[in-house]
Amino acid sequence: MTVFDTQIDALAGGPADLARHRGRALLVVNVASRCGLTPQYAGLQALHETYADRGLVVLGVPCNQFAGQEPGTAAEIDEFCQVNYGVTFPLTEKVDVNGPGRHPLYAQLVSTPDPDGHTGDVRWNFEKFLVAPDGTVAGRFAPTVAPDSPNLRAAVEKVLPA
């Protein structure tokens, strides 16, 4: 089983169908609307626009586990992302990324170390996981690593299928 086999719903309802992204690189990011890192939405959208044609899918995963910084409903989250950041990349349902209710998607991601060797629980909003086209987790990046970081972009380029 890979990330692409995991069941998760889309923000608007219904299955997000990660299997349709098999063969593409996937950047999974737990997102929040009321965080000091929320402006990263702009960088994630730019990353999406830059690399979508080469096979990158940015996947935003709303989470309210960090200081209650994503309290909105699905409709409120969608509106916030579109109005403030012009987000066109897919967003999933709001999930838990840590603890006993950790979503199975994150259960597959968190054992991957970041460049500093951190594994386990997601530390904060906007932690990033890079999934290769074959579904293996190819990298993990701390929340403070900006979407335009040279290290993140180099990792993305390394796993792009096209």
N, C-alpha and C. Protein backbone atom coordinates (compact mmCIF):
# COMPACT_ATOMS: atom_id res chain seq x y z
N MET A 1 0.84 -1.19 0.00
CA MET A 1 0.00 0.00 0.00
C MET A 1 0.88 1.25 0.00
N THR A 2 0.53 2.23 -0.83
CA THR A 2 1.26 3.49 -0.88
C THR A 2 0.31 4.63 -0.54
N VAL A 3 0.86 5.80 -0.50
CA VAL A 3 0.06 7.01 -0.26
C VAL A 3 -1.11 7.08 -1.24
N PHE A 4 -0.87 6.66 -2.47
CA PHE A 4 -1.90 6.76 -3.50
C PHE A 4 -3.08 5.82 -3.27
N ASP A 5 -2.91 4.83 -2.39
CA ASP A 5 -3.99 3.90 -2.06
C ASP A 5 -4.80 4.35 -0.85
N THR A 6 -4.41 5.42 -0.21
CA THR A 6 -5.06 5.89 1.00
C THR A 6 -6.37 6.60 0.68
N GLN A 7 -7.37 6.30 1.46
CA GLN A 7 -8.68 6.94 1.29
C GLN A 7 -8.74 8.22 2.12
N ILE A 8 -9.07 9.31 1.49
CA ILE A 8 -9.29 10.59 2.15
C ILE A 8 -10.30 11.36 1.31
N ASP A 9 -11.13 12.12 1.97
CA ASP A 9 -12.14 12.88 1.24
C ASP A 9 -11.60 14.24 0.80
N ALA A 10 -12.19 14.75 -0.25
CA ALA A 10 -11.89 16.10 -0.73
C ALA A 10 -12.56 17.11 0.20
N LEU A 11 -12.08 18.31 0.21
CA LEU A 11 -12.66 19.37 1.05
C LEU A 11 -14.13 19.58 0.72
N ALA A 12 -14.47 19.52 -0.54
CA ALA A 12 -15.84 19.76 -0.97
C ALA A 12 -16.74 18.53 -0.78
N GLY A 13 -16.16 17.43 -0.28
CA GLY A 13 -16.92 16.20 -0.09
C GLY A 13 -16.60 15.18 -1.15
N GLY A 14 -16.90 13.95 -0.87
CA GLY A 14 -16.59 12.87 -1.79
C GLY A 14 -15.13 12.51 -1.72
N PRO A 15 -14.74 11.39 -2.32
CA PRO A 15 -13.36 10.94 -2.25
C PRO A 15 -12.39 11.88 -2.98
N ALA A 16 -11.23 12.10 -2.39
CA ALA A 16 -10.18 12.88 -3.05
C ALA A 16 -9.50 12.05 -4.13
N ASP A 17 -9.62 10.72 -4.05
CA ASP A 17 -9.09 9.79 -5.04
C ASP A 17 -7.61 10.05 -5.34
N LEU A 18 -6.77 9.80 -4.34
CA LEU A 18 -5.34 10.00 -4.51
C LEU A 18 -4.76 9.10 -5.60
N ALA A 19 -5.44 7.98 -5.88
CA ALA A 19 -4.95 7.05 -6.92
C ALA A 19 -4.84 7.73 -8.28
N ARG A 20 -5.64 8.75 -8.53
CA ARG A 20 -5.56 9.43 -9.83
C ARG A 20 -4.25 10.21 -9.99
N HIS A 21 -3.53 10.40 -8.87
CA HIS A 21 -2.25 11.10 -8.93
C HIS A 21 -1.06 10.15 -9.04
N ARG A 22 -1.34 8.85 -9.04
CA ARG A 22 -0.26 7.87 -9.19
C ARG A 22 0.52 8.21 -10.46
N GLY A 23 1.84 8.15 -10.36
CA GLY A 23 2.68 8.51 -11.51
C GLY A 23 3.09 9.97 -11.49
N ARG A 24 2.58 10.72 -10.54
CA ARG A 24 2.98 12.13 -10.37
C ARG A 24 3.67 12.29 -9.02
N ALA A 25 4.39 13.37 -8.85
CA ALA A 25 4.95 13.72 -7.54
C ALA A 25 3.85 14.44 -6.76
N LEU A 26 3.82 14.23 -5.46
CA LEU A 26 2.80 14.80 -4.61
C LEU A 26 3.47 15.50 -3.44
N LEU A 27 3.13 16.76 -3.21
CA LEU A 27 3.63 17.48 -2.04
C LEU A 27 2.45 17.65 -1.09
N VAL A 28 2.48 16.90 0.01
CA VAL A 28 1.39 16.90 0.98
C VAL A 28 1.75 17.88 2.09
N VAL A 29 0.85 18.85 2.35
CA VAL A 29 1.12 19.91 3.32
C VAL A 29 -0.09 20.07 4.23
N ASN A 30 0.13 19.96 5.55
CA ASN A 30 -0.97 20.25 6.47
C ASN A 30 -1.08 21.76 6.60
N VAL A 31 -2.25 22.29 6.29
CA VAL A 31 -2.44 23.74 6.16
C VAL A 31 -3.42 24.27 7.22
N ALA A 32 -3.34 25.58 7.44
CA ALA A 32 -4.21 26.25 8.39
C ALA A 32 -4.37 27.71 7.98
N SER A 33 -5.55 28.26 8.22
CA SER A 33 -5.89 29.62 7.78
C SER A 33 -5.49 30.73 8.74
N ARG A 34 -5.21 30.39 9.99
CA ARG A 34 -4.94 31.42 11.00
C ARG A 34 -3.59 31.23 11.66
N CYS A 35 -2.60 30.92 10.89
CA CYS A 35 -1.26 30.62 11.38
C CYS A 35 -0.30 31.68 10.86
N GLY A 36 0.76 31.90 11.59
CA GLY A 36 1.78 32.82 11.10
C GLY A 36 2.41 32.36 9.80
N LEU A 37 2.30 31.06 9.51
CA LEU A 37 2.85 30.50 8.27
C LEU A 37 1.83 30.46 7.14
N THR A 38 0.61 30.91 7.39
CA THR A 38 -0.45 30.87 6.38
C THR A 38 -0.05 31.52 5.06
N PRO A 39 0.77 32.59 5.05
CA PRO A 39 1.18 33.15 3.77
C PRO A 39 1.91 32.15 2.86
N GLN A 40 2.32 31.00 3.39
CA GLN A 40 2.93 29.98 2.54
C GLN A 40 1.95 29.47 1.48
N TYR A 41 0.65 29.70 1.69
CA TYR A 41 -0.31 29.33 0.65
C TYR A 41 0.09 29.95 -0.70
N ALA A 42 0.56 31.19 -0.67
CA ALA A 42 0.97 31.85 -1.92
C ALA A 42 2.13 31.11 -2.57
N GLY A 43 3.09 30.71 -1.78
CA GLY A 43 4.23 29.97 -2.31
C GLY A 43 3.85 28.58 -2.80
N LEU A 44 2.92 27.94 -2.09
CA LEU A 44 2.45 26.63 -2.53
C LEU A 44 1.71 26.74 -3.86
N GLN A 45 0.91 27.80 -4.01
CA GLN A 45 0.21 28.02 -5.28
C GLN A 45 1.22 28.28 -6.40
N ALA A 46 2.26 29.05 -6.12
CA ALA A 46 3.29 29.31 -7.12
C ALA A 46 4.02 28.02 -7.50
N LEU A 47 4.31 27.18 -6.51
CA LEU A 47 4.95 25.89 -6.77
C LEU A 47 4.05 25.03 -7.65
N HIS A 48 2.77 25.02 -7.31
CA HIS A 48 1.78 24.29 -8.10
C HIS A 48 1.78 24.78 -9.56
N GLU A 49 1.75 26.07 -9.74
CA GLU A 49 1.71 26.63 -11.09
C GLU A 49 2.99 26.35 -11.86
N THR A 50 4.12 26.39 -11.17
CA THR A 50 5.42 26.16 -11.82
C THR A 50 5.60 24.73 -12.27
N TYR A 51 5.18 23.78 -11.45
CA TYR A 51 5.51 22.37 -11.71
C TYR A 51 4.34 21.47 -12.09
N ALA A 52 3.14 21.96 -12.12
CA ALA A 52 1.98 21.11 -12.44
C ALA A 52 2.14 20.44 -13.80
N ASP A 53 2.60 21.17 -14.79
CA ASP A 53 2.75 20.61 -16.13
C ASP A 53 3.84 19.54 -16.20
N ARG A 54 4.72 19.54 -15.20
CA ARG A 54 5.79 18.54 -15.15
C ARG A 54 5.46 17.39 -14.21
N GLY A 55 4.24 17.41 -13.63
CA GLY A 55 3.81 16.26 -12.85
C GLY A 55 3.78 16.42 -11.35
N LEU A 56 3.77 17.66 -10.84
CA LEU A 56 3.65 17.87 -9.39
C LEU A 56 2.21 18.21 -9.02
N VAL A 57 1.72 17.58 -7.98
CA VAL A 57 0.44 17.93 -7.39
C VAL A 57 0.71 18.38 -5.96
N VAL A 58 0.32 19.61 -5.64
CA VAL A 58 0.35 20.08 -4.26
C VAL A 58 -0.99 19.68 -3.66
N LEU A 59 -0.96 19.07 -2.48
CA LEU A 59 -2.17 18.63 -1.81
C LEU A 59 -2.22 19.27 -0.43
N GLY A 60 -3.16 20.19 -0.24
CA GLY A 60 -3.34 20.83 1.05
C GLY A 60 -4.27 20.00 1.93
N VAL A 61 -3.84 19.78 3.17
CA VAL A 61 -4.61 18.97 4.12
C VAL A 61 -4.90 19.81 5.35
N PRO A 62 -6.08 20.44 5.43
CA PRO A 62 -6.40 21.27 6.59
C PRO A 62 -6.36 20.46 7.89
N CYS A 63 -5.85 21.11 8.92
CA CYS A 63 -5.73 20.48 10.24
C CYS A 63 -5.91 21.55 11.31
N ASN A 64 -6.67 21.23 12.33
CA ASN A 64 -6.95 22.18 13.42
C ASN A 64 -6.26 21.77 14.71
N GLN A 65 -5.23 20.95 14.65
CA GLN A 65 -4.58 20.44 15.86
C GLN A 65 -3.54 21.37 16.47
N PHE A 66 -3.17 22.41 15.78
CA PHE A 66 -2.12 23.28 16.28
C PHE A 66 -2.71 24.63 16.67
N ALA A 67 -2.97 24.79 17.96
CA ALA A 67 -3.51 26.03 18.53
C ALA A 67 -4.84 26.43 17.89
N GLY A 68 -5.59 25.47 17.39
CA GLY A 68 -6.91 25.77 16.82
C GLY A 68 -6.85 26.74 15.65
N GLN A 69 -5.80 26.65 14.83
CA GLN A 69 -5.59 27.63 13.77
C GLN A 69 -6.29 27.31 12.46
N GLU A 70 -7.10 26.24 12.44
CA GLU A 70 -7.95 25.96 11.27
C GLU A 70 -9.34 25.56 11.77
N PRO A 71 -10.06 26.55 12.34
CA PRO A 71 -11.37 26.24 12.92
C PRO A 71 -12.53 26.21 11.92
N GLY A 72 -12.29 26.65 10.70
CA GLY A 72 -13.37 26.85 9.74
C GLY A 72 -14.02 25.58 9.24
N THR A 73 -15.20 25.76 8.67
CA THR A 73 -15.89 24.69 7.97
C THR A 73 -15.21 24.49 6.61
N ALA A 74 -15.58 23.44 5.93
CA ALA A 74 -15.04 23.19 4.60
C ALA A 74 -15.30 24.39 3.68
N ALA A 75 -16.51 24.92 3.71
CA ALA A 75 -16.84 26.07 2.86
C ALA A 75 -16.01 27.29 3.23
N GLU A 76 -15.80 27.52 4.52
CA GLU A 76 -15.01 28.68 4.95
C GLU A 76 -13.55 28.53 4.55
N ILE A 77 -13.02 27.32 4.68
CA ILE A 77 -11.63 27.08 4.29
C ILE A 77 -11.46 27.30 2.78
N ASP A 78 -12.37 26.74 2.01
CA ASP A 78 -12.31 26.89 0.55
C ASP A 78 -12.37 28.36 0.15
N GLU A 79 -13.31 29.09 0.73
CA GLU A 79 -13.43 30.52 0.40
C GLU A 79 -12.17 31.28 0.80
N PHE A 80 -11.65 31.03 1.99
CA PHE A 80 -10.44 31.71 2.45
C PHE A 80 -9.29 31.48 1.47
N CYS A 81 -9.09 30.22 1.08
CA CYS A 81 -7.98 29.89 0.19
C CYS A 81 -8.11 30.53 -1.18
N GLN A 82 -9.32 30.55 -1.71
CA GLN A 82 -9.52 31.13 -3.03
C GLN A 82 -9.45 32.65 -3.02
N VAL A 83 -10.11 33.28 -2.04
CA VAL A 83 -10.16 34.74 -1.99
C VAL A 83 -8.80 35.34 -1.66
N ASN A 84 -8.09 34.75 -0.69
CA ASN A 84 -6.85 35.34 -0.22
C ASN A 84 -5.60 34.89 -0.98
N TYR A 85 -5.63 33.68 -1.54
CA TYR A 85 -4.41 33.15 -2.16
C TYR A 85 -4.63 32.57 -3.55
N GLY A 86 -5.84 32.59 -4.06
CA GLY A 86 -6.11 32.07 -5.40
C GLY A 86 -5.76 30.60 -5.55
N VAL A 87 -5.93 29.83 -4.48
CA VAL A 87 -5.55 28.43 -4.48
C VAL A 87 -6.36 27.63 -5.50
N THR A 88 -5.64 26.92 -6.37
CA THR A 88 -6.28 26.03 -7.34
C THR A 88 -5.85 24.58 -7.14
N PHE A 89 -4.87 24.33 -6.25
CA PHE A 89 -4.47 22.95 -5.99
C PHE A 89 -5.50 22.29 -5.08
N PRO A 90 -5.58 20.96 -5.10
CA PRO A 90 -6.61 20.28 -4.33
C PRO A 90 -6.41 20.37 -2.82
N LEU A 91 -7.54 20.43 -2.13
CA LEU A 91 -7.56 20.42 -0.66
C LEU A 91 -8.41 19.24 -0.21
N THR A 92 -7.99 18.63 0.88
CA THR A 92 -8.74 17.50 1.42
C THR A 92 -9.63 17.96 2.56
N GLU A 93 -10.37 17.01 3.08
CA GLU A 93 -11.12 17.22 4.31
C GLU A 93 -10.16 17.58 5.44
N LYS A 94 -10.67 18.20 6.49
CA LYS A 94 -9.87 18.52 7.66
C LYS A 94 -9.63 17.23 8.44
N VAL A 95 -8.38 16.95 8.80
CA VAL A 95 -8.03 15.72 9.50
C VAL A 95 -7.07 16.00 10.66
N ASP A 96 -6.87 14.99 11.49
CA ASP A 96 -5.83 15.01 12.51
C ASP A 96 -4.57 14.41 11.90
N VAL A 97 -3.44 15.05 12.16
CA VAL A 97 -2.17 14.55 11.64
C VAL A 97 -1.34 13.89 12.74
N ASN A 98 -1.73 14.05 13.99
CA ASN A 98 -1.05 13.48 15.14
C ASN A 98 -2.06 12.81 16.07
N GLY A 99 -1.54 12.03 17.00
CA GLY A 99 -2.38 11.46 18.05
C GLY A 99 -3.15 10.23 17.63
N PRO A 100 -4.04 9.78 18.52
CA PRO A 100 -4.76 8.53 18.27
C PRO A 100 -5.71 8.61 17.07
N GLY A 101 -6.13 9.81 16.70
CA GLY A 101 -7.00 9.98 15.54
C GLY A 101 -6.25 10.33 14.27
N ARG A 102 -4.92 10.11 14.28
CA ARG A 102 -4.10 10.45 13.11
C ARG A 102 -4.68 9.78 11.87
N HIS A 103 -4.86 10.56 10.82
CA HIS A 103 -5.38 10.02 9.57
C HIS A 103 -4.37 9.02 8.99
N PRO A 104 -4.86 7.94 8.34
CA PRO A 104 -3.95 6.96 7.75
C PRO A 104 -2.94 7.55 6.76
N LEU A 105 -3.29 8.63 6.09
CA LEU A 105 -2.33 9.27 5.20
C LEU A 105 -1.09 9.69 5.98
N TYR A 106 -1.31 10.35 7.11
CA TYR A 106 -0.18 10.81 7.91
C TYR A 106 0.52 9.67 8.63
N ALA A 107 -0.19 8.58 8.92
CA ALA A 107 0.45 7.40 9.50
C ALA A 107 1.53 6.88 8.56
N GLN A 108 1.33 7.03 7.26
CA GLN A 108 2.32 6.60 6.27
C GLN A 108 3.46 7.61 6.10
N LEU A 109 3.20 8.87 6.39
CA LEU A 109 4.18 9.92 6.12
C LEU A 109 5.18 10.15 7.25
N VAL A 110 4.73 10.07 8.50
CA VAL A 110 5.53 10.60 9.61
C VAL A 110 6.79 9.81 9.97
N SER A 111 6.96 8.61 9.44
CA SER A 111 8.20 7.87 9.74
C SER A 111 9.37 8.35 8.88
N THR A 112 9.09 9.18 7.89
CA THR A 112 10.14 9.72 7.02
C THR A 112 10.88 10.84 7.74
N PRO A 113 12.21 10.80 7.78
CA PRO A 113 12.96 11.86 8.44
C PRO A 113 13.12 13.09 7.57
N ASP A 114 13.19 14.25 8.23
CA ASP A 114 13.54 15.47 7.50
C ASP A 114 15.08 15.54 7.45
N PRO A 115 15.66 16.56 6.81
CA PRO A 115 17.12 16.63 6.71
C PRO A 115 17.85 16.66 8.06
N ASP A 116 17.14 17.07 9.12
CA ASP A 116 17.75 17.09 10.45
C ASP A 116 17.52 15.78 11.20
N GLY A 117 16.85 14.83 10.58
CA GLY A 117 16.61 13.54 11.19
C GLY A 117 15.32 13.42 11.99
N HIS A 118 14.49 14.47 12.00
CA HIS A 118 13.23 14.42 12.75
C HIS A 118 12.26 13.46 12.08
N THR A 119 11.72 12.53 12.87
CA THR A 119 10.65 11.66 12.43
C THR A 119 9.54 11.75 13.48
N GLY A 120 8.43 11.12 13.20
CA GLY A 120 7.34 11.11 14.17
C GLY A 120 6.39 12.26 13.94
N ASP A 121 5.77 12.69 15.04
CA ASP A 121 4.71 13.68 14.95
C ASP A 121 5.04 14.90 14.10
N VAL A 122 4.02 15.37 13.42
CA VAL A 122 4.10 16.63 12.68
C VAL A 122 4.27 17.74 13.72
N ARG A 123 5.19 18.66 13.48
CA ARG A 123 5.53 19.66 14.48
C ARG A 123 4.61 20.87 14.49
N TRP A 124 4.08 21.23 13.33
CA TRP A 124 3.26 22.44 13.26
C TRP A 124 2.60 22.48 11.89
N ASN A 125 1.79 23.49 11.67
CA ASN A 125 1.16 23.70 10.36
C ASN A 125 2.23 23.89 9.29
N PHE A 126 1.93 23.47 8.09
CA PHE A 126 2.75 23.64 6.91
C PHE A 126 4.01 22.78 6.88
N GLU A 127 3.98 21.64 7.59
CA GLU A 127 5.03 20.64 7.40
C GLU A 127 4.77 19.98 6.04
N LYS A 128 5.83 19.69 5.32
CA LYS A 128 5.69 19.23 3.93
C LYS A 128 6.29 17.84 3.75
N PHE A 129 5.56 16.99 3.03
CA PHE A 129 6.02 15.64 2.71
C PHE A 129 5.99 15.49 1.19
N LEU A 130 7.10 15.08 0.63
CA LEU A 130 7.21 14.90 -0.81
C LEU A 130 7.09 13.40 -1.13
N VAL A 131 6.14 13.08 -1.98
CA VAL A 131 5.88 11.69 -2.36
C VAL A 131 6.29 11.52 -3.83
N ALA A 132 7.09 10.50 -4.08
CA ALA A 132 7.55 10.21 -5.44
C ALA A 132 6.41 9.60 -6.26
N PRO A 133 6.54 9.61 -7.57
CA PRO A 133 5.49 9.07 -8.43
C PRO A 133 5.12 7.61 -8.16
N ASP A 134 6.02 6.85 -7.53
CA ASP A 134 5.72 5.45 -7.22
C ASP A 134 5.03 5.30 -5.86
N GLY A 135 4.80 6.42 -5.16
CA GLY A 135 4.10 6.38 -3.88
C GLY A 135 4.99 6.32 -2.67
N THR A 136 6.31 6.23 -2.87
CA THR A 136 7.21 6.24 -1.72
C THR A 136 7.42 7.68 -1.24
N VAL A 137 7.65 7.83 0.06
CA VAL A 137 7.86 9.16 0.61
C VAL A 137 9.33 9.52 0.40
N ALA A 138 9.54 10.56 -0.38
CA ALA A 138 10.89 10.93 -0.82
C ALA A 138 11.52 12.03 0.02
N GLY A 139 10.74 12.71 0.85
CA GLY A 139 11.32 13.78 1.64
C GLY A 139 10.33 14.40 2.59
N ARG A 140 10.87 15.05 3.60
CA ARG A 140 10.08 15.74 4.61
C ARG A 140 10.76 17.07 4.90
N PHE A 141 9.95 18.11 5.04
CA PHE A 141 10.49 19.45 5.24
C PHE A 141 9.75 20.14 6.38
N ALA A 142 10.49 20.77 7.25
CA ALA A 142 9.94 21.46 8.42
C ALA A 142 8.94 22.53 8.00
N PRO A 143 8.04 22.88 8.90
CA PRO A 143 7.05 23.91 8.59
C PRO A 143 7.65 25.24 8.14
N THR A 144 8.80 25.58 8.67
CA THR A 144 9.42 26.87 8.33
C THR A 144 10.13 26.86 6.99
N VAL A 145 10.25 25.71 6.35
CA VAL A 145 10.86 25.65 5.02
C VAL A 145 9.84 26.21 4.02
N ALA A 146 10.19 27.33 3.42
CA ALA A 146 9.28 28.00 2.49
C ALA A 146 9.13 27.21 1.20
N PRO A 147 7.99 27.30 0.55
CA PRO A 147 7.79 26.60 -0.72
C PRO A 147 8.80 26.98 -1.81
N ASP A 148 9.39 28.17 -1.71
CA ASP A 148 10.39 28.56 -2.72
C ASP A 148 11.82 28.26 -2.27
N SER A 149 11.97 27.50 -1.19
CA SER A 149 13.28 27.12 -0.70
C SER A 149 14.04 26.34 -1.77
N PRO A 150 15.30 26.68 -2.01
CA PRO A 150 16.08 25.94 -3.01
C PRO A 150 16.14 24.44 -2.70
N ASN A 151 16.23 24.06 -1.43
CA ASN A 151 16.29 22.64 -1.08
C ASN A 151 14.99 21.92 -1.41
N LEU A 152 13.87 22.56 -1.13
CA LEU A 152 12.58 21.95 -1.45
C LEU A 152 12.41 21.84 -2.96
N ARG A 153 12.72 22.91 -3.65
CA ARG A 153 12.57 22.88 -5.12
C ARG A 153 13.49 21.84 -5.76
N ALA A 154 14.71 21.70 -5.26
CA ALA A 154 15.62 20.70 -5.80
C ALA A 154 15.07 19.29 -5.56
N ALA A 155 14.49 19.05 -4.39
CA ALA A 155 13.90 17.75 -4.10
C ALA A 155 12.72 17.47 -5.01
N VAL A 156 11.89 18.49 -5.23
CA VAL A 156 10.75 18.34 -6.13
C VAL A 156 11.24 17.99 -7.53
N GLU A 157 12.21 18.75 -8.03
CA GLU A 157 12.71 18.51 -9.39
C GLU A 157 13.30 17.12 -9.54
N LYS A 158 13.91 16.62 -8.47
CA LYS A 158 14.53 15.29 -8.51
C LYS A 158 13.50 14.18 -8.71
N VAL A 159 12.28 14.37 -8.19
CA VAL A 159 11.27 13.29 -8.29
C VAL A 159 10.21 13.53 -9.36
N LEU A 160 10.28 14.65 -10.06
CA LEU A 160 9.27 14.90 -11.10
C LEU A 160 9.33 13.82 -12.18
N PRO A 161 8.17 13.34 -12.61
CA PRO A 161 8.15 12.30 -13.62
C PRO A 161 8.44 12.79 -15.03
N ALA A 162 8.24 14.08 -15.28
CA ALA A 162 8.40 14.59 -16.65
C ALA A 162 9.38 15.74 -16.68
